[in-house]
Amino acid sequence: MDKKTQLRDCLKRAREAIDKKDFKTALEQGRNALEIDAKNYNALVFVGVANSELDETKKAEQAYKKATTLDPTNLIAWQVLLIVV
């Protein structure tokens, strides 16, 4: 399986886990996605969401801040970062 397919699958599993409120799995899949592409905006947002729900506020904040640095025009991470901080 190529890296692009692996990344897409990890992101899909992370999103599904968040929808099911399985935040440990979401965090694991988000981290797996970041191993493939350390600058993936969606993976960072998913890691932020999972960490936030697991009461890891500092880690969530770090993920959201990195996402906003990578794509400052995308409002999703900014909006959630304002809630977390």
N, C-alpha and C. Protein backbone atom coordinates (compact mmCIF):
# COMPACT_ATOMS: atom_id res chain seq x y z
N MET A 1 0.85 -1.18 0.00
CA MET A 1 0.00 0.00 0.00
C MET A 1 0.90 1.24 0.00
N ASP A 2 0.60 2.18 -0.86
CA ASP A 2 1.42 3.39 -0.92
C ASP A 2 1.11 4.35 0.23
N LYS A 3 2.00 5.30 0.43
CA LYS A 3 1.88 6.25 1.55
C LYS A 3 0.60 7.08 1.49
N LYS A 4 0.21 7.49 0.31
CA LYS A 4 -1.00 8.31 0.16
C LYS A 4 -2.23 7.53 0.60
N THR A 5 -2.29 6.26 0.24
CA THR A 5 -3.42 5.41 0.64
C THR A 5 -3.39 5.16 2.14
N GLN A 6 -2.21 4.91 2.68
CA GLN A 6 -2.08 4.70 4.12
C GLN A 6 -2.53 5.94 4.89
N LEU A 7 -2.11 7.09 4.42
CA LEU A 7 -2.49 8.34 5.06
C LEU A 7 -4.00 8.53 5.03
N ARG A 8 -4.59 8.34 3.87
CA ARG A 8 -6.04 8.48 3.73
C ARG A 8 -6.78 7.52 4.67
N ASP A 9 -6.30 6.29 4.77
CA ASP A 9 -6.94 5.31 5.64
C ASP A 9 -6.82 5.69 7.12
N CYS A 10 -5.66 6.18 7.52
CA CYS A 10 -5.48 6.62 8.91
C CYS A 10 -6.42 7.79 9.24
N LEU A 11 -6.51 8.74 8.32
CA LEU A 11 -7.39 9.89 8.55
C LEU A 11 -8.85 9.46 8.61
N LYS A 12 -9.22 8.53 7.76
CA LYS A 12 -10.60 8.02 7.77
C LYS A 12 -10.91 7.33 9.10
N ARG A 13 -9.98 6.49 9.56
CA ARG A 13 -10.20 5.78 10.83
C ARG A 13 -10.23 6.77 12.00
N ALA A 14 -9.39 7.80 11.95
CA ALA A 14 -9.39 8.81 13.01
C ALA A 14 -10.74 9.53 13.05
N ARG A 15 -11.24 9.92 11.89
CA ARG A 15 -12.52 10.63 11.81
C ARG A 15 -13.66 9.73 12.32
N GLU A 16 -13.66 8.48 11.91
CA GLU A 16 -14.69 7.53 12.36
C GLU A 16 -14.62 7.33 13.87
N ALA A 17 -13.40 7.25 14.42
CA ALA A 17 -13.25 7.07 15.86
C ALA A 17 -13.76 8.30 16.61
N ILE A 18 -13.50 9.48 16.10
CA ILE A 18 -14.02 10.70 16.73
C ILE A 18 -15.55 10.68 16.70
N ASP A 19 -16.12 10.29 15.58
CA ASP A 19 -17.58 10.22 15.48
C ASP A 19 -18.17 9.26 16.50
N LYS A 20 -17.43 8.19 16.81
CA LYS A 20 -17.88 7.18 17.78
C LYS A 20 -17.46 7.51 19.21
N LYS A 21 -16.78 8.65 19.36
CA LYS A 21 -16.26 9.10 20.66
C LYS A 21 -15.23 8.13 21.23
N ASP A 22 -14.50 7.46 20.35
CA ASP A 22 -13.40 6.59 20.72
C ASP A 22 -12.11 7.38 20.53
N PHE A 23 -11.83 8.23 21.51
CA PHE A 23 -10.77 9.21 21.35
C PHE A 23 -9.37 8.60 21.44
N LYS A 24 -9.22 7.48 22.13
CA LYS A 24 -7.91 6.82 22.16
C LYS A 24 -7.54 6.29 20.77
N THR A 25 -8.51 5.68 20.11
CA THR A 25 -8.26 5.20 18.75
C THR A 25 -8.03 6.38 17.81
N ALA A 26 -8.79 7.44 17.97
CA ALA A 26 -8.62 8.62 17.13
C ALA A 26 -7.21 9.19 17.29
N LEU A 27 -6.74 9.25 18.51
CA LEU A 27 -5.40 9.75 18.77
C LEU A 27 -4.35 8.85 18.12
N GLU A 28 -4.51 7.56 18.27
CA GLU A 28 -3.58 6.60 17.67
C GLU A 28 -3.54 6.74 16.15
N GLN A 29 -4.71 6.83 15.53
CA GLN A 29 -4.77 6.95 14.07
C GLN A 29 -4.25 8.30 13.60
N GLY A 30 -4.53 9.35 14.36
CA GLY A 30 -3.99 10.66 14.03
C GLY A 30 -2.47 10.67 14.09
N ARG A 31 -1.93 10.03 15.11
CA ARG A 31 -0.47 9.93 15.23
C ARG A 31 0.11 9.10 14.09
N ASN A 32 -0.58 8.02 13.74
CA ASN A 32 -0.12 7.20 12.61
C ASN A 32 -0.07 8.04 11.33
N ALA A 33 -1.09 8.86 11.14
CA ALA A 33 -1.12 9.74 9.96
C ALA A 33 0.05 10.72 9.99
N LEU A 34 0.36 11.24 11.17
CA LEU A 34 1.47 12.20 11.29
C LEU A 34 2.82 11.54 11.07
N GLU A 35 2.93 10.24 11.34
CA GLU A 35 4.16 9.53 11.03
C GLU A 35 4.39 9.48 9.52
N ILE A 36 3.29 9.42 8.78
CA ILE A 36 3.38 9.38 7.33
C ILE A 36 3.60 10.79 6.77
N ASP A 37 2.88 11.75 7.33
CA ASP A 37 2.99 13.14 6.87
C ASP A 37 2.90 14.06 8.09
N ALA A 38 4.05 14.46 8.58
CA ALA A 38 4.12 15.27 9.81
C ALA A 38 3.47 16.64 9.67
N LYS A 39 3.17 17.05 8.45
CA LYS A 39 2.58 18.37 8.23
C LYS A 39 1.15 18.26 7.71
N ASN A 40 0.46 17.21 8.07
CA ASN A 40 -0.90 17.04 7.60
C ASN A 40 -1.86 17.80 8.53
N TYR A 41 -2.51 18.79 7.99
CA TYR A 41 -3.40 19.66 8.76
C TYR A 41 -4.51 18.86 9.45
N ASN A 42 -5.18 17.99 8.69
CA ASN A 42 -6.30 17.23 9.26
C ASN A 42 -5.85 16.30 10.38
N ALA A 43 -4.71 15.66 10.21
CA ALA A 43 -4.19 14.79 11.26
C ALA A 43 -3.93 15.58 12.53
N LEU A 44 -3.36 16.77 12.39
CA LEU A 44 -3.11 17.61 13.56
C LEU A 44 -4.41 18.01 14.25
N VAL A 45 -5.42 18.34 13.47
CA VAL A 45 -6.71 18.70 14.06
C VAL A 45 -7.31 17.49 14.78
N PHE A 46 -7.24 16.31 14.16
CA PHE A 46 -7.78 15.11 14.80
C PHE A 46 -7.03 14.79 16.10
N VAL A 47 -5.72 14.94 16.09
CA VAL A 47 -4.92 14.73 17.31
C VAL A 47 -5.31 15.76 18.37
N GLY A 48 -5.54 16.98 17.94
CA GLY A 48 -5.99 18.01 18.88
C GLY A 48 -7.33 17.68 19.50
N VAL A 49 -8.27 17.27 18.68
CA VAL A 49 -9.61 16.90 19.18
C VAL A 49 -9.49 15.75 20.17
N ALA A 50 -8.77 14.71 19.79
CA ALA A 50 -8.64 13.54 20.66
C ALA A 50 -7.97 13.91 21.98
N ASN A 51 -6.88 14.66 21.91
CA ASN A 51 -6.21 15.08 23.15
C ASN A 51 -7.12 15.94 24.02
N SER A 52 -7.86 16.82 23.40
CA SER A 52 -8.77 17.66 24.16
C SER A 52 -9.81 16.81 24.90
N GLU A 53 -10.37 15.85 24.21
CA GLU A 53 -11.39 14.99 24.83
C GLU A 53 -10.81 14.06 25.88
N LEU A 54 -9.51 13.80 25.79
CA LEU A 54 -8.83 12.96 26.78
C LEU A 54 -8.21 13.79 27.90
N ASP A 55 -8.63 15.07 27.99
CA ASP A 55 -8.15 16.00 29.01
C ASP A 55 -6.64 16.25 28.96
N GLU A 56 -6.10 16.21 27.77
CA GLU A 56 -4.69 16.53 27.54
C GLU A 56 -4.64 17.89 26.85
N THR A 57 -5.04 18.92 27.59
CA THR A 57 -5.22 20.25 27.03
C THR A 57 -3.95 20.81 26.40
N LYS A 58 -2.82 20.66 27.05
CA LYS A 58 -1.56 21.20 26.51
C LYS A 58 -1.20 20.53 25.18
N LYS A 59 -1.38 19.22 25.12
CA LYS A 59 -1.08 18.50 23.88
C LYS A 59 -2.05 18.90 22.78
N ALA A 60 -3.31 19.11 23.14
CA ALA A 60 -4.30 19.57 22.16
C ALA A 60 -3.90 20.94 21.64
N GLU A 61 -3.54 21.82 22.54
CA GLU A 61 -3.14 23.18 22.16
C GLU A 61 -1.94 23.14 21.22
N GLN A 62 -0.96 22.29 21.50
CA GLN A 62 0.22 22.18 20.64
C GLN A 62 -0.17 21.73 19.23
N ALA A 63 -1.06 20.73 19.14
CA ALA A 63 -1.48 20.23 17.83
C ALA A 63 -2.22 21.31 17.05
N TYR A 64 -3.13 22.01 17.71
CA TYR A 64 -3.88 23.07 17.04
C TYR A 64 -2.96 24.21 16.58
N LYS A 65 -2.00 24.59 17.44
CA LYS A 65 -1.07 25.66 17.07
C LYS A 65 -0.23 25.27 15.86
N LYS A 66 0.21 24.03 15.83
CA LYS A 66 0.99 23.58 14.68
C LYS A 66 0.14 23.60 13.42
N ALA A 67 -1.12 23.19 13.54
CA ALA A 67 -2.04 23.21 12.39
C ALA A 67 -2.24 24.64 11.90
N THR A 68 -2.41 25.59 12.80
CA THR A 68 -2.62 26.98 12.38
C THR A 68 -1.37 27.55 11.72
N THR A 69 -0.22 27.09 12.14
CA THR A 69 1.03 27.53 11.52
C THR A 69 1.13 27.00 10.08
N LEU A 70 0.72 25.75 9.89
CA LEU A 70 0.79 25.13 8.57
C LEU A 70 -0.22 25.73 7.59
N ASP A 71 -1.40 26.06 8.10
CA ASP A 71 -2.44 26.59 7.21
C ASP A 71 -3.20 27.69 7.95
N PRO A 72 -2.63 28.89 8.01
CA PRO A 72 -3.23 29.97 8.80
C PRO A 72 -4.59 30.45 8.28
N THR A 73 -4.94 30.13 7.05
CA THR A 73 -6.22 30.58 6.51
C THR A 73 -7.37 29.62 6.79
N ASN A 74 -7.05 28.40 7.22
CA ASN A 74 -8.08 27.42 7.53
C ASN A 74 -8.56 27.67 8.96
N LEU A 75 -9.82 27.94 9.12
CA LEU A 75 -10.34 28.41 10.40
C LEU A 75 -10.62 27.32 11.43
N ILE A 76 -10.66 26.06 11.03
CA ILE A 76 -11.05 25.00 11.97
C ILE A 76 -10.14 24.99 13.20
N ALA A 77 -8.84 24.88 13.00
CA ALA A 77 -7.92 24.81 14.15
C ALA A 77 -7.96 26.09 14.97
N TRP A 78 -8.09 27.24 14.29
CA TRP A 78 -8.18 28.51 15.03
C TRP A 78 -9.40 28.53 15.95
N GLN A 79 -10.53 28.08 15.44
CA GLN A 79 -11.77 28.10 16.22
C GLN A 79 -11.65 27.22 17.45
N VAL A 80 -11.12 26.02 17.28
CA VAL A 80 -11.01 25.11 18.41
C VAL A 80 -9.91 25.58 19.37
N LEU A 81 -8.86 26.15 18.83
CA LEU A 81 -7.78 26.67 19.69
C LEU A 81 -8.32 27.76 20.62
N LEU A 82 -9.17 28.60 20.13
CA LEU A 82 -9.76 29.64 20.98
C LEU A 82 -10.59 29.07 22.11
N ILE A 83 -11.20 27.93 21.89
CA ILE A 83 -11.99 27.27 22.93
C ILE A 83 -11.07 26.63 23.97
N VAL A 84 -10.00 25.98 23.51
CA VAL A 84 -9.09 25.25 24.39
C VAL A 84 -8.31 26.19 25.28
N VAL A 85 -7.88 27.33 24.72
CA VAL A 85 -7.03 28.26 25.48
C VAL A 85 -7.82 29.02 26.44
